[in-house]
Amino acid sequence: SMVQMGAFTFDSIDLDIKNRLLENGVSVITFETIQANTVDVIKDILLSFEAKGKRSFIRTSVIGDCKANFYIKNKEDAIICPIKDISAYAFSCEIADVYRYIFTPGEYIADVLIVLRGLRIRTSVKVIGFSENESGLFILKFCTSKIQGGKLVFEEKNSPENTRKVHEYIRKTIQELMINRLTGAGEPDKKETVPQVKNNDKNIENETAES
């Protein structure tokens, strides 16, 4: 489940009240500060929650055209599925029923292209499992793969470069969400996509980046 995050904002506050709020895990910050530097403020709050063990990682719902292209061995076409949310460690993806047999928990998929608006991330993934509450929603963990002793070996960690790209997307997403909320514009519209099969074009990374 998603974890909501908030902060108590103020123009002036009694020190004793401020300390009581902090002791109970409530972030306290001046409204002027959060207006001036929204992204860094939200990042600091999230990292503070991580340090206290309240979250395993920073995760955000996706905005815009975000999808995963799965290139399956012995399957000519790629399976393209919409991403729902993402962190530097894993992401959730909507898988059509017709493809569920491919995504067996514990199995690895060696060749996956993640598209986050204009960002392209080539990676491997491990199928962690699926949601019991939402049909067709699977959790996949970022991995790296290499040939060792003539065999394909997987490590359950994201590469530094891919982690940097995901963090870049997360920062931009948080910034866009917060700016819209602070200005009263609401959340940006999320582009709905439908799982489909597309021609397995390995040059997809050369497509024109979306704005």
N, C-alpha and C. Protein backbone atom coordinates (compact mmCIF):
# COMPACT_ATOMS: atom_id res chain seq x y z
N SER A 1 0.84 -1.19 0.00
CA SER A 1 0.00 0.00 0.00
C SER A 1 0.87 1.24 0.00
N MET A 2 0.35 2.34 -0.55
CA MET A 2 1.10 3.57 -0.58
C MET A 2 1.06 4.23 0.79
N VAL A 3 2.14 4.90 1.16
CA VAL A 3 2.23 5.60 2.44
C VAL A 3 2.14 7.08 2.18
N GLN A 4 1.16 7.75 2.81
CA GLN A 4 1.02 9.18 2.63
C GLN A 4 2.02 9.91 3.52
N MET A 5 2.41 11.10 3.08
CA MET A 5 3.41 11.86 3.80
C MET A 5 2.95 13.30 3.87
N GLY A 6 3.14 13.93 5.03
CA GLY A 6 2.74 15.32 5.18
C GLY A 6 3.64 16.06 6.14
N ALA A 7 3.46 17.37 6.23
CA ALA A 7 4.26 18.20 7.13
C ALA A 7 3.37 19.26 7.74
N PHE A 8 3.65 19.63 9.00
CA PHE A 8 2.94 20.69 9.68
C PHE A 8 3.64 22.00 9.34
N THR A 9 2.95 22.90 8.65
CA THR A 9 3.57 24.15 8.24
C THR A 9 3.09 25.30 9.13
N PHE A 10 3.90 26.32 9.27
CA PHE A 10 3.57 27.42 10.19
C PHE A 10 4.32 28.69 9.79
N ASP A 11 3.81 29.83 10.29
CA ASP A 11 4.53 31.09 10.18
C ASP A 11 5.34 31.35 11.45
N SER A 12 4.76 30.98 12.60
CA SER A 12 5.47 31.05 13.88
C SER A 12 4.93 29.94 14.77
N ILE A 13 5.78 29.42 15.67
CA ILE A 13 5.36 28.29 16.50
C ILE A 13 6.15 28.29 17.80
N ASP A 14 5.51 27.88 18.88
CA ASP A 14 6.17 27.76 20.18
C ASP A 14 7.14 26.59 20.14
N LEU A 15 8.34 26.76 20.70
CA LEU A 15 9.37 25.72 20.65
C LEU A 15 8.91 24.42 21.28
N ASP A 16 8.16 24.50 22.39
CA ASP A 16 7.70 23.29 23.08
C ASP A 16 6.73 22.51 22.19
N ILE A 17 5.84 23.23 21.51
CA ILE A 17 4.90 22.56 20.59
C ILE A 17 5.65 21.92 19.43
N LYS A 18 6.63 22.64 18.91
CA LYS A 18 7.43 22.11 17.81
C LYS A 18 8.11 20.80 18.21
N ASN A 19 8.72 20.77 19.41
CA ASN A 19 9.41 19.57 19.89
C ASN A 19 8.45 18.41 20.09
N ARG A 20 7.24 18.69 20.58
CA ARG A 20 6.24 17.63 20.78
C ARG A 20 5.82 17.01 19.44
N LEU A 21 5.66 17.86 18.44
CA LEU A 21 5.32 17.36 17.12
C LEU A 21 6.44 16.48 16.56
N LEU A 22 7.67 16.93 16.69
CA LEU A 22 8.81 16.17 16.19
C LEU A 22 8.94 14.83 16.90
N GLU A 23 8.70 14.82 18.21
CA GLU A 23 8.78 13.58 18.98
C GLU A 23 7.78 12.54 18.51
N ASN A 24 6.67 13.01 17.94
CA ASN A 24 5.63 12.11 17.45
C ASN A 24 5.73 11.86 15.95
N GLY A 25 6.92 12.20 15.38
CA GLY A 25 7.16 11.88 13.97
C GLY A 25 6.48 12.80 12.98
N VAL A 26 6.08 14.01 13.45
CA VAL A 26 5.44 14.97 12.55
C VAL A 26 6.48 15.99 12.10
N SER A 27 6.67 16.10 10.80
CA SER A 27 7.62 17.07 10.26
C SER A 27 7.08 18.49 10.47
N VAL A 28 7.98 19.38 10.87
CA VAL A 28 7.60 20.77 11.15
C VAL A 28 8.47 21.69 10.31
N ILE A 29 7.83 22.57 9.55
CA ILE A 29 8.60 23.41 8.64
C ILE A 29 7.83 24.69 8.34
N THR A 30 8.54 25.77 8.12
CA THR A 30 7.88 27.03 7.79
C THR A 30 7.31 26.96 6.38
N PHE A 31 6.16 27.59 6.21
CA PHE A 31 5.52 27.58 4.90
C PHE A 31 6.40 28.30 3.87
N GLU A 32 7.11 29.33 4.31
CA GLU A 32 8.00 30.06 3.41
C GLU A 32 9.08 29.17 2.84
N THR A 33 9.62 28.27 3.69
CA THR A 33 10.68 27.35 3.25
C THR A 33 10.17 26.36 2.23
N ILE A 34 9.01 25.79 2.47
CA ILE A 34 8.49 24.77 1.56
C ILE A 34 8.09 25.39 0.22
N GLN A 35 7.71 26.64 0.22
CA GLN A 35 7.42 27.32 -1.04
C GLN A 35 8.70 27.59 -1.84
N ALA A 36 9.78 27.96 -1.11
CA ALA A 36 11.01 28.37 -1.77
C ALA A 36 11.81 27.18 -2.32
N ASN A 37 11.72 26.02 -1.65
CA ASN A 37 12.56 24.89 -2.05
C ASN A 37 11.79 23.58 -1.86
N THR A 38 10.73 23.44 -2.61
CA THR A 38 9.79 22.33 -2.41
C THR A 38 10.45 20.96 -2.55
N VAL A 39 11.19 20.74 -3.62
CA VAL A 39 11.72 19.41 -3.92
C VAL A 39 12.68 18.94 -2.82
N ASP A 40 13.63 19.79 -2.43
CA ASP A 40 14.59 19.40 -1.40
C ASP A 40 13.91 19.14 -0.07
N VAL A 41 12.88 19.93 0.24
CA VAL A 41 12.14 19.76 1.49
C VAL A 41 11.47 18.39 1.52
N ILE A 42 10.75 18.06 0.45
CA ILE A 42 10.05 16.78 0.38
C ILE A 42 11.04 15.62 0.42
N LYS A 43 12.16 15.77 -0.28
CA LYS A 43 13.19 14.72 -0.27
C LYS A 43 13.73 14.50 1.14
N ASP A 44 14.00 15.60 1.86
CA ASP A 44 14.52 15.49 3.23
C ASP A 44 13.52 14.79 4.15
N ILE A 45 12.23 15.10 3.97
CA ILE A 45 11.20 14.46 4.79
C ILE A 45 11.15 12.97 4.52
N LEU A 46 11.18 12.60 3.23
CA LEU A 46 11.15 11.18 2.85
C LEU A 46 12.37 10.44 3.38
N LEU A 47 13.55 11.05 3.26
CA LEU A 47 14.77 10.42 3.75
C LEU A 47 14.74 10.28 5.27
N SER A 48 14.12 11.25 5.96
CA SER A 48 13.98 11.18 7.41
C SER A 48 13.11 10.00 7.80
N PHE A 49 12.01 9.78 7.04
CA PHE A 49 11.16 8.62 7.31
C PHE A 49 11.91 7.32 7.08
N GLU A 50 12.76 7.28 6.03
CA GLU A 50 13.56 6.09 5.74
C GLU A 50 14.48 5.77 6.90
N ALA A 51 15.15 6.81 7.42
CA ALA A 51 16.12 6.61 8.50
C ALA A 51 15.46 6.04 9.75
N LYS A 52 14.17 6.35 9.95
CA LYS A 52 13.44 5.86 11.11
C LYS A 52 12.82 4.50 10.85
N GLY A 53 13.06 3.96 9.68
CA GLY A 53 12.55 2.63 9.36
C GLY A 53 11.08 2.60 9.01
N LYS A 54 10.51 3.76 8.69
CA LYS A 54 9.09 3.81 8.37
C LYS A 54 8.82 3.49 6.91
N ARG A 55 9.86 3.54 6.07
CA ARG A 55 9.73 3.16 4.67
C ARG A 55 10.96 2.37 4.25
N SER A 56 10.77 1.49 3.32
CA SER A 56 11.91 0.74 2.80
C SER A 56 12.64 1.53 1.74
N PHE A 57 11.90 2.37 1.01
CA PHE A 57 12.50 3.14 -0.07
C PHE A 57 11.53 4.23 -0.50
N ILE A 58 12.05 5.21 -1.22
CA ILE A 58 11.20 6.27 -1.76
C ILE A 58 10.51 5.76 -3.01
N ARG A 59 9.19 5.89 -3.06
CA ARG A 59 8.42 5.39 -4.18
C ARG A 59 7.42 6.45 -4.61
N THR A 60 7.15 6.53 -5.89
CA THR A 60 6.19 7.50 -6.38
C THR A 60 5.32 6.88 -7.46
N SER A 61 4.08 7.34 -7.53
CA SER A 61 3.23 6.98 -8.65
C SER A 61 3.78 7.65 -9.90
N VAL A 62 3.62 7.02 -11.04
CA VAL A 62 4.19 7.57 -12.27
C VAL A 62 3.26 8.60 -12.87
N ILE A 63 3.84 9.52 -13.63
CA ILE A 63 3.10 10.52 -14.38
C ILE A 63 3.55 10.45 -15.83
N GLY A 64 2.61 10.53 -16.74
CA GLY A 64 2.97 10.49 -18.16
C GLY A 64 3.03 9.07 -18.70
N ASP A 65 3.64 8.93 -19.86
CA ASP A 65 3.72 7.65 -20.55
C ASP A 65 4.88 6.83 -19.98
N CYS A 66 4.57 5.92 -19.07
CA CYS A 66 5.60 5.09 -18.44
C CYS A 66 5.23 3.62 -18.64
N LYS A 67 6.14 2.85 -19.21
CA LYS A 67 5.82 1.48 -19.56
C LYS A 67 7.05 0.60 -19.48
N ALA A 68 6.82 -0.69 -19.40
CA ALA A 68 7.90 -1.68 -19.40
C ALA A 68 7.75 -2.56 -20.64
N ASN A 69 8.86 -2.72 -21.36
CA ASN A 69 8.89 -3.57 -22.55
C ASN A 69 9.66 -4.85 -22.19
N PHE A 70 8.96 -5.96 -22.13
CA PHE A 70 9.58 -7.24 -21.74
C PHE A 70 9.92 -8.04 -22.99
N TYR A 71 11.21 -8.34 -23.16
CA TYR A 71 11.66 -9.15 -24.29
C TYR A 71 11.88 -10.58 -23.78
N ILE A 72 10.97 -11.46 -24.12
CA ILE A 72 10.97 -12.83 -23.60
C ILE A 72 11.64 -13.76 -24.60
N LYS A 73 12.49 -14.65 -24.09
CA LYS A 73 13.19 -15.61 -24.93
C LYS A 73 12.19 -16.47 -25.70
N ASN A 74 12.51 -16.71 -26.97
CA ASN A 74 11.67 -17.53 -27.86
C ASN A 74 10.32 -16.88 -28.17
N LYS A 75 10.18 -15.58 -27.86
CA LYS A 75 8.95 -14.86 -28.18
C LYS A 75 9.34 -13.68 -29.07
N GLU A 76 8.81 -13.65 -30.26
CA GLU A 76 9.24 -12.67 -31.26
C GLU A 76 8.91 -11.24 -30.87
N ASP A 77 7.74 -11.03 -30.28
CA ASP A 77 7.29 -9.69 -29.95
C ASP A 77 7.52 -9.36 -28.48
N ALA A 78 7.74 -8.08 -28.22
CA ALA A 78 7.87 -7.62 -26.84
C ALA A 78 6.49 -7.46 -26.21
N ILE A 79 6.40 -7.72 -24.91
CA ILE A 79 5.17 -7.47 -24.17
C ILE A 79 5.30 -6.09 -23.53
N ILE A 80 4.38 -5.19 -23.84
CA ILE A 80 4.45 -3.83 -23.34
C ILE A 80 3.33 -3.61 -22.32
N CYS A 81 3.72 -3.21 -21.11
CA CYS A 81 2.75 -3.07 -20.02
C CYS A 81 2.95 -1.73 -19.30
N PRO A 82 1.87 -1.10 -18.85
CA PRO A 82 1.98 0.18 -18.14
C PRO A 82 2.53 0.02 -16.73
N ILE A 83 3.39 0.95 -16.32
CA ILE A 83 3.93 0.98 -14.97
C ILE A 83 3.02 1.84 -14.10
N LYS A 84 2.77 1.40 -12.87
CA LYS A 84 1.89 2.16 -11.97
C LYS A 84 2.68 3.01 -10.99
N ASP A 85 3.70 2.43 -10.33
CA ASP A 85 4.57 3.22 -9.47
C ASP A 85 5.97 2.63 -9.51
N ILE A 86 6.95 3.39 -8.99
CA ILE A 86 8.35 3.00 -9.17
C ILE A 86 9.21 3.53 -8.04
N SER A 87 10.26 2.79 -7.72
CA SER A 87 11.32 3.24 -6.81
C SER A 87 12.64 2.85 -7.45
N ALA A 88 13.74 3.14 -6.78
CA ALA A 88 15.05 2.78 -7.32
C ALA A 88 15.30 1.28 -7.21
N TYR A 89 14.41 0.54 -6.53
CA TYR A 89 14.62 -0.89 -6.30
C TYR A 89 13.62 -1.77 -7.04
N ALA A 90 12.41 -1.25 -7.26
CA ALA A 90 11.36 -2.09 -7.85
C ALA A 90 10.29 -1.20 -8.48
N PHE A 91 9.36 -1.84 -9.19
CA PHE A 91 8.23 -1.12 -9.76
C PHE A 91 7.05 -2.06 -9.86
N SER A 92 5.86 -1.49 -9.91
CA SER A 92 4.66 -2.30 -10.11
C SER A 92 4.17 -2.09 -11.53
N CYS A 93 3.67 -3.16 -12.11
CA CYS A 93 3.32 -3.15 -13.54
C CYS A 93 2.01 -3.90 -13.73
N GLU A 94 1.15 -3.37 -14.58
CA GLU A 94 -0.12 -4.02 -14.88
C GLU A 94 0.06 -5.04 -16.01
N ILE A 95 -0.18 -6.31 -15.69
CA ILE A 95 0.02 -7.40 -16.64
C ILE A 95 -1.33 -7.97 -17.04
N ALA A 96 -1.58 -8.02 -18.33
CA ALA A 96 -2.84 -8.61 -18.81
C ALA A 96 -2.89 -10.09 -18.47
N ASP A 97 -4.10 -10.60 -18.24
CA ASP A 97 -4.28 -12.00 -17.84
C ASP A 97 -3.63 -12.98 -18.81
N VAL A 98 -3.65 -12.65 -20.10
CA VAL A 98 -3.12 -13.57 -21.10
C VAL A 98 -1.61 -13.79 -20.95
N TYR A 99 -0.93 -12.88 -20.26
CA TYR A 99 0.53 -12.99 -20.09
C TYR A 99 0.95 -13.38 -18.68
N ARG A 100 0.01 -13.62 -17.79
CA ARG A 100 0.36 -13.88 -16.39
C ARG A 100 1.23 -15.12 -16.23
N TYR A 101 1.06 -16.09 -17.10
CA TYR A 101 1.83 -17.33 -16.98
C TYR A 101 3.32 -17.09 -17.16
N ILE A 102 3.69 -16.00 -17.84
CA ILE A 102 5.10 -15.69 -18.06
C ILE A 102 5.75 -15.13 -16.81
N PHE A 103 4.96 -14.44 -15.97
CA PHE A 103 5.50 -13.72 -14.82
C PHE A 103 5.33 -14.56 -13.55
N THR A 104 6.14 -15.60 -13.45
CA THR A 104 6.10 -16.50 -12.30
C THR A 104 6.96 -15.93 -11.16
N PRO A 105 6.41 -15.78 -9.95
CA PRO A 105 7.21 -15.26 -8.83
C PRO A 105 8.51 -16.04 -8.65
N GLY A 106 9.61 -15.32 -8.51
CA GLY A 106 10.92 -15.94 -8.34
C GLY A 106 11.71 -16.05 -9.62
N GLU A 107 11.03 -15.90 -10.77
CA GLU A 107 11.71 -16.00 -12.06
C GLU A 107 12.34 -14.67 -12.46
N TYR A 108 13.38 -14.74 -13.31
CA TYR A 108 14.06 -13.55 -13.80
C TYR A 108 13.72 -13.32 -15.27
N ILE A 109 13.66 -12.06 -15.66
CA ILE A 109 13.52 -11.69 -17.07
C ILE A 109 14.76 -10.87 -17.41
N ALA A 110 15.56 -11.37 -18.35
CA ALA A 110 16.89 -10.81 -18.59
C ALA A 110 16.86 -9.47 -19.32
N ASP A 111 15.92 -9.29 -20.24
CA ASP A 111 15.95 -8.11 -21.10
C ASP A 111 14.66 -7.32 -20.98
N VAL A 112 14.75 -6.16 -20.31
CA VAL A 112 13.58 -5.30 -20.10
C VAL A 112 13.98 -3.86 -20.39
N LEU A 113 13.13 -3.16 -21.12
CA LEU A 113 13.35 -1.74 -21.38
C LEU A 113 12.27 -0.95 -20.65
N ILE A 114 12.69 -0.14 -19.68
CA ILE A 114 11.78 0.72 -18.94
C ILE A 114 11.76 2.09 -19.61
N VAL A 115 10.57 2.59 -19.89
CA VAL A 115 10.42 3.91 -20.51
C VAL A 115 9.69 4.81 -19.52
N LEU A 116 10.38 5.84 -19.04
CA LEU A 116 9.80 6.81 -18.11
C LEU A 116 9.81 8.17 -18.80
N ARG A 117 8.73 8.44 -19.52
CA ARG A 117 8.69 9.63 -20.36
C ARG A 117 9.90 9.61 -21.29
N GLY A 118 10.85 10.56 -21.13
CA GLY A 118 11.99 10.61 -22.03
C GLY A 118 13.15 9.73 -21.62
N LEU A 119 13.08 9.08 -20.45
CA LEU A 119 14.18 8.25 -19.97
C LEU A 119 14.02 6.82 -20.44
N ARG A 120 15.12 6.22 -20.91
CA ARG A 120 15.15 4.80 -21.30
C ARG A 120 16.10 4.07 -20.37
N ILE A 121 15.63 2.99 -19.77
CA ILE A 121 16.45 2.22 -18.84
C ILE A 121 16.45 0.76 -19.26
N ARG A 122 17.60 0.25 -19.64
CA ARG A 122 17.73 -1.17 -20.01
C ARG A 122 18.15 -1.94 -18.77
N THR A 123 17.45 -2.99 -18.43
CA THR A 123 17.69 -3.68 -17.17
C THR A 123 17.22 -5.13 -17.24
N SER A 124 17.46 -5.85 -16.15
CA SER A 124 16.86 -7.17 -15.92
C SER A 124 15.97 -7.03 -14.69
N VAL A 125 15.02 -7.95 -14.53
CA VAL A 125 14.12 -7.86 -13.38
C VAL A 125 13.87 -9.26 -12.79
N LYS A 126 13.47 -9.24 -11.54
CA LYS A 126 13.00 -10.46 -10.88
C LYS A 126 11.53 -10.27 -10.54
N VAL A 127 10.72 -11.28 -10.83
CA VAL A 127 9.29 -11.21 -10.51
C VAL A 127 9.12 -11.51 -9.01
N ILE A 128 8.73 -10.50 -8.26
CA ILE A 128 8.56 -10.67 -6.81
C ILE A 128 7.24 -11.33 -6.49
N GLY A 129 6.20 -10.92 -7.17
CA GLY A 129 4.87 -11.48 -6.91
C GLY A 129 3.81 -10.58 -7.48
N PHE A 130 2.57 -10.80 -7.06
CA PHE A 130 1.47 -10.00 -7.57
C PHE A 130 0.58 -9.56 -6.41
N SER A 131 -0.18 -8.52 -6.65
CA SER A 131 -1.06 -7.97 -5.63
C SER A 131 -2.29 -8.85 -5.45
N GLU A 132 -2.63 -9.14 -4.20
CA GLU A 132 -3.84 -9.91 -3.92
C GLU A 132 -5.08 -9.03 -3.99
N ASN A 133 -4.86 -7.71 -3.85
CA ASN A 133 -5.99 -6.78 -3.82
C ASN A 133 -6.32 -6.19 -5.19
N GLU A 134 -5.35 -6.17 -6.09
CA GLU A 134 -5.56 -5.58 -7.40
C GLU A 134 -5.15 -6.57 -8.48
N SER A 135 -6.10 -7.11 -9.17
CA SER A 135 -5.83 -8.14 -10.17
C SER A 135 -4.96 -7.61 -11.30
N GLY A 136 -3.94 -8.36 -11.64
CA GLY A 136 -3.07 -7.99 -12.74
C GLY A 136 -1.92 -7.07 -12.40
N LEU A 137 -1.79 -6.68 -11.12
CA LEU A 137 -0.69 -5.79 -10.71
C LEU A 137 0.46 -6.63 -10.15
N PHE A 138 1.60 -6.61 -10.84
CA PHE A 138 2.77 -7.39 -10.44
C PHE A 138 3.88 -6.48 -9.94
N ILE A 139 4.67 -6.99 -9.00
CA ILE A 139 5.82 -6.27 -8.47
C ILE A 139 7.08 -6.90 -9.05
N LEU A 140 7.94 -6.06 -9.62
CA LEU A 140 9.17 -6.54 -10.25
C LEU A 140 10.36 -5.77 -9.68
N LYS A 141 11.41 -6.50 -9.34
CA LYS A 141 12.60 -5.90 -8.73
C LYS A 141 13.70 -5.73 -9.76
N PHE A 142 14.34 -4.55 -9.76
CA PHE A 142 15.45 -4.32 -10.67
C PHE A 142 16.62 -5.25 -10.36
N CYS A 143 17.26 -5.77 -11.40
CA CYS A 143 18.42 -6.65 -11.26
C CYS A 143 19.48 -6.27 -12.30
N THR A 144 20.66 -6.82 -12.11
CA THR A 144 21.69 -6.75 -13.15
C THR A 144 22.02 -8.18 -13.55
N SER A 145 22.50 -8.36 -14.77
CA SER A 145 22.83 -9.70 -15.25
C SER A 145 24.17 -9.68 -15.97
N LYS A 146 24.85 -10.82 -15.94
CA LYS A 146 26.14 -10.96 -16.63
C LYS A 146 26.39 -12.42 -16.94
N ILE A 147 27.27 -12.65 -17.91
CA ILE A 147 27.65 -14.02 -18.26
C ILE A 147 28.81 -14.44 -17.38
N GLN A 148 28.65 -15.54 -16.67
CA GLN A 148 29.71 -16.05 -15.78
C GLN A 148 29.78 -17.57 -15.93
N GLY A 149 30.94 -18.05 -16.34
CA GLY A 149 31.09 -19.48 -16.54
C GLY A 149 30.18 -20.02 -17.61
N GLY A 150 29.90 -19.19 -18.62
CA GLY A 150 29.03 -19.62 -19.69
C GLY A 150 27.56 -19.59 -19.36
N LYS A 151 27.21 -19.07 -18.17
CA LYS A 151 25.81 -19.01 -17.76
C LYS A 151 25.42 -17.56 -17.45
N LEU A 152 24.14 -17.27 -17.60
CA LEU A 152 23.62 -15.96 -17.28
C LEU A 152 23.35 -15.89 -15.78
N VAL A 153 24.03 -14.98 -15.09
CA VAL A 153 23.91 -14.86 -13.64
C VAL A 153 23.26 -13.52 -13.30
N PHE A 154 22.32 -13.54 -12.35
CA PHE A 154 21.60 -12.33 -11.96
C PHE A 154 22.02 -11.88 -10.56
N GLU A 155 22.12 -10.58 -10.37
CA GLU A 155 22.33 -9.99 -9.06
C GLU A 155 21.14 -9.09 -8.76
N GLU A 156 20.57 -9.24 -7.57
CA GLU A 156 19.36 -8.50 -7.23
C GLU A 156 19.69 -7.09 -6.73
N LYS A 157 20.20 -6.30 -7.64
CA LYS A 157 20.48 -4.89 -7.34
C LYS A 157 20.47 -4.11 -8.65
N ASN A 158 20.13 -2.84 -8.55
CA ASN A 158 20.10 -1.99 -9.73
C ASN A 158 21.50 -1.43 -9.97
N SER A 159 21.84 -1.16 -11.21
CA SER A 159 23.13 -0.57 -11.52
C SER A 159 23.13 0.90 -11.09
N PRO A 160 24.30 1.46 -10.77
CA PRO A 160 24.37 2.87 -10.36
C PRO A 160 23.77 3.81 -11.40
N GLU A 161 24.02 3.55 -12.67
CA GLU A 161 23.50 4.41 -13.72
C GLU A 161 21.97 4.35 -13.80
N ASN A 162 21.42 3.15 -13.69
CA ASN A 162 19.97 3.02 -13.72
C ASN A 162 19.33 3.63 -12.48
N THR A 163 19.99 3.47 -11.33
CA THR A 163 19.50 4.09 -10.10
C THR A 163 19.46 5.60 -10.25
N ARG A 164 20.49 6.17 -10.85
CA ARG A 164 20.54 7.62 -11.07
C ARG A 164 19.37 8.07 -11.94
N LYS A 165 19.08 7.30 -12.99
CA LYS A 165 17.99 7.66 -13.90
C LYS A 165 16.63 7.60 -13.18
N VAL A 166 16.42 6.55 -12.38
CA VAL A 166 15.15 6.43 -11.66
C VAL A 166 15.00 7.58 -10.66
N HIS A 167 16.07 7.89 -9.93
CA HIS A 167 16.02 9.00 -8.99
C HIS A 167 15.72 10.31 -9.70
N GLU A 168 16.27 10.48 -10.87
CA GLU A 168 16.00 11.69 -11.66
C GLU A 168 14.51 11.79 -11.98
N TYR A 169 13.92 10.67 -12.40
CA TYR A 169 12.49 10.66 -12.71
C TYR A 169 11.67 10.93 -11.45
N ILE A 170 12.04 10.30 -10.32
CA ILE A 170 11.30 10.48 -9.07
C ILE A 170 11.34 11.94 -8.62
N ARG A 171 12.49 12.57 -8.70
CA ARG A 171 12.60 13.98 -8.30
C ARG A 171 11.70 14.86 -9.15
N LYS A 172 11.72 14.64 -10.46
CA LYS A 172 10.88 15.44 -11.35
C LYS A 172 9.40 15.21 -11.08
N THR A 173 9.03 13.96 -10.79
CA THR A 173 7.64 13.63 -10.52
C THR A 173 7.16 14.29 -9.24
N ILE A 174 7.95 14.19 -8.16
CA ILE A 174 7.60 14.82 -6.89
C ILE A 174 7.46 16.33 -7.06
N GLN A 175 8.39 16.92 -7.80
CA GLN A 175 8.35 18.35 -8.02
C GLN A 175 7.07 18.75 -8.75
N GLU A 176 6.72 17.99 -9.80
CA GLU A 176 5.52 18.30 -10.58
C GLU A 176 4.26 18.16 -9.74
N LEU A 177 4.19 17.09 -8.94
CA LEU A 177 3.03 16.87 -8.08
C LEU A 177 2.88 17.99 -7.05
N MET A 178 3.99 18.36 -6.40
CA MET A 178 3.93 19.37 -5.34
C MET A 178 3.60 20.75 -5.90
N ILE A 179 4.17 21.10 -7.05
CA ILE A 179 3.88 22.40 -7.66
C ILE A 179 2.39 22.50 -8.00
N ASN A 180 1.83 21.41 -8.55
CA ASN A 180 0.41 21.42 -8.89
C ASN A 180 -0.47 21.52 -7.66
N ARG A 181 -0.07 20.85 -6.58
CA ARG A 181 -0.87 20.90 -5.36
C ARG A 181 -0.77 22.26 -4.69
N LEU A 182 0.43 22.84 -4.65
CA LEU A 182 0.62 24.15 -4.02
C LEU A 182 -0.08 25.26 -4.80
N THR A 183 -0.19 25.10 -6.10
CA THR A 183 -0.84 26.11 -6.92
C THR A 183 -2.33 25.84 -7.09
N GLY A 184 -2.80 24.72 -6.52
CA GLY A 184 -4.22 24.40 -6.60
C GLY A 184 -4.65 23.80 -7.91
N ALA A 185 -3.68 23.36 -8.70
CA ALA A 185 -4.01 22.80 -10.02
C ALA A 185 -4.41 21.34 -9.95
N GLY A 186 -4.16 20.69 -8.79
CA GLY A 186 -4.46 19.27 -8.67
C GLY A 186 -3.37 18.43 -9.27
N GLU A 187 -3.58 17.10 -9.27
CA GLU A 187 -2.57 16.20 -9.82
C GLU A 187 -2.63 16.22 -11.34
N PRO A 188 -1.45 16.11 -11.99
CA PRO A 188 -1.43 16.03 -13.45
C PRO A 188 -2.17 14.80 -13.94
N ASP A 189 -2.79 14.91 -15.11
CA ASP A 189 -3.49 13.75 -15.67
C ASP A 189 -2.50 12.66 -15.99
N LYS A 190 -2.86 11.42 -15.66
CA LYS A 190 -2.02 10.27 -15.98
C LYS A 190 -2.52 9.64 -17.26
N LYS A 191 -1.62 9.44 -18.19
CA LYS A 191 -1.99 8.84 -19.48
C LYS A 191 -2.26 7.37 -19.29
N GLU A 192 -3.47 6.95 -19.63
CA GLU A 192 -3.83 5.55 -19.51
C GLU A 192 -3.30 4.77 -20.69
N THR A 193 -2.69 3.64 -20.40
CA THR A 193 -2.19 2.77 -21.46
C THR A 193 -2.72 1.37 -21.25
N VAL A 194 -2.78 0.61 -22.32
CA VAL A 194 -3.32 -0.75 -22.27
C VAL A 194 -2.22 -1.73 -22.62
N PRO A 195 -2.05 -2.81 -21.80
CA PRO A 195 -1.03 -3.80 -22.13
C PRO A 195 -1.24 -4.31 -23.54
N GLN A 196 -0.16 -4.46 -24.30
CA GLN A 196 -0.27 -4.89 -25.67
C GLN A 196 1.02 -5.57 -26.11
N VAL A 197 0.98 -6.15 -27.27
CA VAL A 197 2.18 -6.75 -27.86
C VAL A 197 2.61 -5.86 -29.00
N LYS A 198 3.90 -5.56 -29.04
CA LYS A 198 4.44 -4.68 -30.07
C LYS A 198 5.60 -5.37 -30.75
N ASN A 199 5.85 -4.99 -32.00
CA ASN A 199 6.97 -5.54 -32.74
C ASN A 199 8.24 -5.36 -31.95
N ASN A 200 9.06 -6.40 -31.88
CA ASN A 200 10.28 -6.40 -31.07
C ASN A 200 11.38 -5.60 -31.76
N ASP A 201 11.30 -4.32 -31.67
CA ASP A 201 12.27 -3.43 -32.31
C ASP A 201 13.33 -3.05 -31.31
N LYS A 202 14.52 -3.60 -31.46
CA LYS A 202 15.59 -3.34 -30.52
C LYS A 202 16.09 -1.90 -30.60
N ASN A 203 15.65 -1.17 -31.60
CA ASN A 203 16.09 0.24 -31.73
C ASN A 203 15.14 1.18 -31.04
N ILE A 204 14.27 0.65 -30.19
CA ILE A 204 13.29 1.48 -29.50
C ILE A 204 13.96 2.58 -28.68
N GLU A 205 15.20 2.31 -28.22
CA GLU A 205 15.91 3.30 -27.41
C GLU A 205 16.26 4.53 -28.23
N ASN A 206 16.22 4.41 -29.54
CA ASN A 206 16.54 5.55 -30.38
C ASN A 206 15.34 6.38 -30.78
N GLU A 207 14.16 6.00 -30.23
CA GLU A 207 12.97 6.76 -30.53
C GLU A 207 13.11 8.18 -30.01
N THR A 208 12.41 9.08 -30.60
CA THR A 208 12.47 10.47 -30.14
C THR A 208 11.93 10.54 -28.73
N ALA A 209 12.69 11.16 -27.82
CA ALA A 209 12.28 11.28 -26.43
C ALA A 209 11.04 12.17 -26.33
N GLU A 210 10.13 11.74 -25.48
CA GLU A 210 8.92 12.55 -25.29
C GLU A 210 9.23 13.74 -24.42
N SER A 211 8.53 14.78 -24.59
CA SER A 211 8.76 15.98 -23.78
C SER A 211 8.18 15.75 -22.39
